[in-house]
């Protein structure tokens, strides 16, 4: 590519970025009134992650999470 083509592509890219930035739409995070998890997270004391052939278990002991199998 020659110099003029590179400058043209950079100008179009900058212009498109500015146009998207100044469009005024709010792209903030979606905030739902529903809970993501339908249970009280404070009552969970054991997690098992399983891929069908292997698994890992995490257990809560006091205020820490540990791997009891290790």
N, C-alpha and C. Protein backbone atom coordinates (compact mmCIF):
# COMPACT_ATOMS: atom_id res chain seq x y z
N UNK A 1 0.84 -1.18 0.00
CA UNK A 1 0.00 0.00 0.00
C UNK A 1 0.88 1.24 0.00
N UNK A 2 0.39 2.23 -0.67
CA UNK A 2 1.15 3.46 -0.68
C UNK A 2 0.71 4.37 0.47
N UNK A 3 1.43 5.41 0.69
CA UNK A 3 1.23 6.33 1.81
C UNK A 3 -0.17 6.95 1.79
N UNK A 4 -0.66 7.37 0.62
CA UNK A 4 -1.98 8.01 0.54
C UNK A 4 -3.10 7.05 0.95
N UNK A 5 -2.97 5.79 0.57
CA UNK A 5 -3.98 4.80 0.93
C UNK A 5 -4.01 4.57 2.44
N UNK A 6 -2.85 4.48 3.05
CA UNK A 6 -2.76 4.27 4.50
C UNK A 6 -3.38 5.46 5.23
N UNK A 7 -3.06 6.67 4.80
CA UNK A 7 -3.62 7.88 5.42
C UNK A 7 -5.13 7.92 5.25
N UNK A 8 -5.63 7.52 4.08
CA UNK A 8 -7.08 7.51 3.83
C UNK A 8 -7.78 6.52 4.74
N UNK A 9 -7.23 5.32 4.87
CA UNK A 9 -7.83 4.30 5.73
C UNK A 9 -7.81 4.74 7.18
N UNK A 10 -6.72 5.34 7.63
CA UNK A 10 -6.64 5.84 9.00
C UNK A 10 -7.66 6.94 9.23
N UNK A 11 -7.83 7.82 8.28
CA UNK A 11 -8.81 8.90 8.42
C UNK A 11 -10.23 8.38 8.50
N UNK A 12 -10.56 7.42 7.66
CA UNK A 12 -11.90 6.83 7.70
C UNK A 12 -12.13 6.11 9.02
N UNK A 13 -11.13 5.39 9.50
CA UNK A 13 -11.25 4.68 10.77
C UNK A 13 -11.46 5.64 11.93
N UNK A 14 -10.69 6.70 11.95
CA UNK A 14 -10.84 7.69 13.02
C UNK A 14 -12.20 8.37 12.94
N UNK A 15 -12.63 8.69 11.73
CA UNK A 15 -13.94 9.32 11.55
C UNK A 15 -15.07 8.41 12.00
N UNK A 16 -14.99 7.13 11.66
CA UNK A 16 -16.02 6.18 12.07
C UNK A 16 -16.03 6.02 13.59
N UNK A 17 -14.86 5.97 14.20
CA UNK A 17 -14.79 5.86 15.66
C UNK A 17 -15.37 7.07 16.34
N UNK A 18 -15.08 8.25 15.83
CA UNK A 18 -15.65 9.48 16.39
C UNK A 18 -17.16 9.50 16.25
N UNK A 19 -17.65 9.09 15.09
CA UNK A 19 -19.10 9.09 14.86
C UNK A 19 -19.80 8.14 15.82
N UNK A 20 -19.22 6.97 16.06
CA UNK A 20 -19.82 6.01 16.99
C UNK A 20 -19.75 6.53 18.42
N UNK A 21 -18.66 7.19 18.77
CA UNK A 21 -18.47 7.70 20.12
C UNK A 21 -19.42 8.86 20.41
N UNK A 22 -19.67 9.67 19.44
CA UNK A 22 -20.50 10.87 19.64
C UNK A 22 -21.97 10.63 19.33
N UNK A 23 -22.37 9.41 19.04
CA UNK A 23 -23.76 9.13 18.67
C UNK A 23 -24.72 9.32 19.84
N UNK A 24 -24.21 9.27 21.08
CA UNK A 24 -25.04 9.57 22.23
C UNK A 24 -25.78 8.39 22.82
N UNK A 25 -25.70 7.21 22.22
CA UNK A 25 -26.37 6.05 22.79
C UNK A 25 -25.63 5.58 24.02
N UNK A 26 -26.38 5.13 25.00
CA UNK A 26 -25.78 4.61 26.22
C UNK A 26 -25.57 3.11 26.07
N UNK A 27 -24.34 2.67 26.13
CA UNK A 27 -24.02 1.26 26.02
C UNK A 27 -23.59 0.69 27.36
N UNK A 28 -24.16 1.19 28.44
CA UNK A 28 -23.81 0.72 29.77
C UNK A 28 -24.28 -0.71 30.01
N UNK A 29 -23.87 -1.28 31.11
CA UNK A 29 -24.22 -2.66 31.44
C UNK A 29 -25.72 -2.77 31.73
N UNK A 30 -26.31 -3.85 31.31
CA UNK A 30 -27.72 -4.12 31.57
C UNK A 30 -27.91 -4.44 33.04
N UNK A 31 -28.89 -3.82 33.64
CA UNK A 31 -29.17 -4.07 35.05
C UNK A 31 -30.58 -4.64 35.18
N UNK A 32 -30.65 -5.87 35.62
CA UNK A 32 -31.92 -6.56 35.75
C UNK A 32 -32.39 -6.52 37.20
N UNK A 33 -33.69 -6.63 37.39
CA UNK A 33 -34.24 -6.72 38.73
C UNK A 33 -34.22 -8.17 39.23
N UNK A 34 -34.01 -9.12 38.32
CA UNK A 34 -33.99 -10.53 38.70
C UNK A 34 -32.60 -10.95 39.14
N UNK A 35 -32.55 -11.89 40.08
CA UNK A 35 -31.28 -12.42 40.51
C UNK A 35 -30.72 -13.34 39.43
N UNK A 36 -29.43 -13.32 39.26
CA UNK A 36 -28.78 -14.21 38.31
C UNK A 36 -28.86 -15.66 38.81
N UNK A 37 -28.66 -15.85 40.09
CA UNK A 37 -28.75 -17.17 40.70
C UNK A 37 -29.99 -17.20 41.59
N UNK A 38 -30.87 -18.17 41.39
CA UNK A 38 -32.15 -18.17 42.12
C UNK A 38 -32.06 -18.77 43.52
N UNK A 39 -30.96 -18.57 44.22
CA UNK A 39 -30.81 -19.07 45.57
C UNK A 39 -29.89 -18.14 46.35
N UNK A 40 -29.88 -18.34 47.66
CA UNK A 40 -29.06 -17.52 48.54
C UNK A 40 -27.61 -18.02 48.49
N UNK A 41 -26.72 -17.21 47.97
CA UNK A 41 -25.33 -17.61 47.78
C UNK A 41 -24.61 -17.87 49.11
N UNK A 42 -25.11 -17.31 50.18
CA UNK A 42 -24.49 -17.51 51.49
C UNK A 42 -24.69 -18.93 52.01
N UNK A 43 -25.66 -19.67 51.47
CA UNK A 43 -25.92 -21.03 51.95
C UNK A 43 -25.08 -22.07 51.23
N UNK A 44 -24.33 -21.70 50.21
CA UNK A 44 -23.52 -22.64 49.45
C UNK A 44 -22.22 -22.91 50.20
N UNK A 45 -21.91 -24.20 50.38
CA UNK A 45 -20.66 -24.56 51.06
C UNK A 45 -19.84 -25.58 50.27
N UNK A 46 -20.34 -25.99 49.08
CA UNK A 46 -19.61 -26.97 48.26
C UNK A 46 -19.95 -26.75 46.80
N UNK A 47 -18.92 -26.77 45.95
CA UNK A 47 -19.09 -26.64 44.51
C UNK A 47 -18.37 -27.78 43.83
N UNK A 48 -19.00 -28.36 42.81
CA UNK A 48 -18.37 -29.43 42.03
C UNK A 48 -18.39 -29.01 40.57
N UNK A 49 -17.22 -29.00 39.95
CA UNK A 49 -17.05 -28.68 38.54
C UNK A 49 -16.69 -29.99 37.84
N UNK A 50 -17.49 -30.37 36.84
CA UNK A 50 -17.34 -31.67 36.21
C UNK A 50 -17.42 -31.50 34.69
N UNK A 51 -16.47 -32.14 33.97
CA UNK A 51 -16.52 -32.09 32.51
C UNK A 51 -16.85 -33.44 31.90
N UNK A 52 -17.30 -34.39 32.71
CA UNK A 52 -17.66 -35.71 32.23
C UNK A 52 -16.58 -36.75 32.47
N UNK A 53 -15.34 -36.34 32.48
CA UNK A 53 -14.25 -37.28 32.73
C UNK A 53 -13.46 -36.93 33.98
N UNK A 54 -13.40 -35.67 34.32
CA UNK A 54 -12.67 -35.21 35.50
C UNK A 54 -13.56 -34.27 36.30
N UNK A 55 -13.24 -34.10 37.56
CA UNK A 55 -13.98 -33.15 38.38
C UNK A 55 -13.07 -32.50 39.42
N UNK A 56 -13.52 -31.35 39.89
CA UNK A 56 -12.84 -30.62 40.95
C UNK A 56 -13.92 -30.22 41.95
N UNK A 57 -13.63 -30.40 43.22
CA UNK A 57 -14.57 -30.02 44.27
C UNK A 57 -13.94 -28.93 45.12
N UNK A 58 -14.71 -27.89 45.36
CA UNK A 58 -14.32 -26.82 46.28
C UNK A 58 -15.26 -26.87 47.48
N UNK A 59 -14.70 -26.80 48.66
CA UNK A 59 -15.51 -26.77 49.88
C UNK A 59 -15.15 -25.54 50.70
N UNK A 60 -16.16 -24.96 51.30
CA UNK A 60 -15.94 -23.79 52.14
C UNK A 60 -15.64 -24.25 53.57
N UNK A 61 -14.50 -23.82 54.07
CA UNK A 61 -14.11 -24.09 55.45
C UNK A 61 -13.82 -22.76 56.10
N UNK A 62 -14.61 -22.44 57.10
CA UNK A 62 -14.57 -21.12 57.74
C UNK A 62 -14.88 -20.07 56.67
N UNK A 63 -13.95 -19.17 56.40
CA UNK A 63 -14.18 -18.14 55.37
C UNK A 63 -13.38 -18.39 54.12
N UNK A 64 -12.78 -19.57 53.99
CA UNK A 64 -11.93 -19.89 52.85
C UNK A 64 -12.51 -21.02 52.03
N UNK A 65 -12.16 -21.05 50.74
CA UNK A 65 -12.51 -22.14 49.86
C UNK A 65 -11.27 -23.01 49.67
N UNK A 66 -11.42 -24.33 49.86
CA UNK A 66 -10.29 -25.25 49.77
C UNK A 66 -10.61 -26.37 48.80
N UNK A 67 -9.56 -27.05 48.35
CA UNK A 67 -9.68 -28.25 47.51
C UNK A 67 -9.48 -29.45 48.43
N UNK A 68 -10.53 -30.10 48.90
CA UNK A 68 -10.38 -31.17 49.88
C UNK A 68 -9.69 -32.41 49.33
N UNK A 69 -9.69 -32.60 48.01
CA UNK A 69 -9.09 -33.79 47.42
C UNK A 69 -7.58 -33.70 47.33
N UNK A 70 -7.00 -32.55 47.59
CA UNK A 70 -5.56 -32.38 47.44
C UNK A 70 -4.87 -32.56 48.77
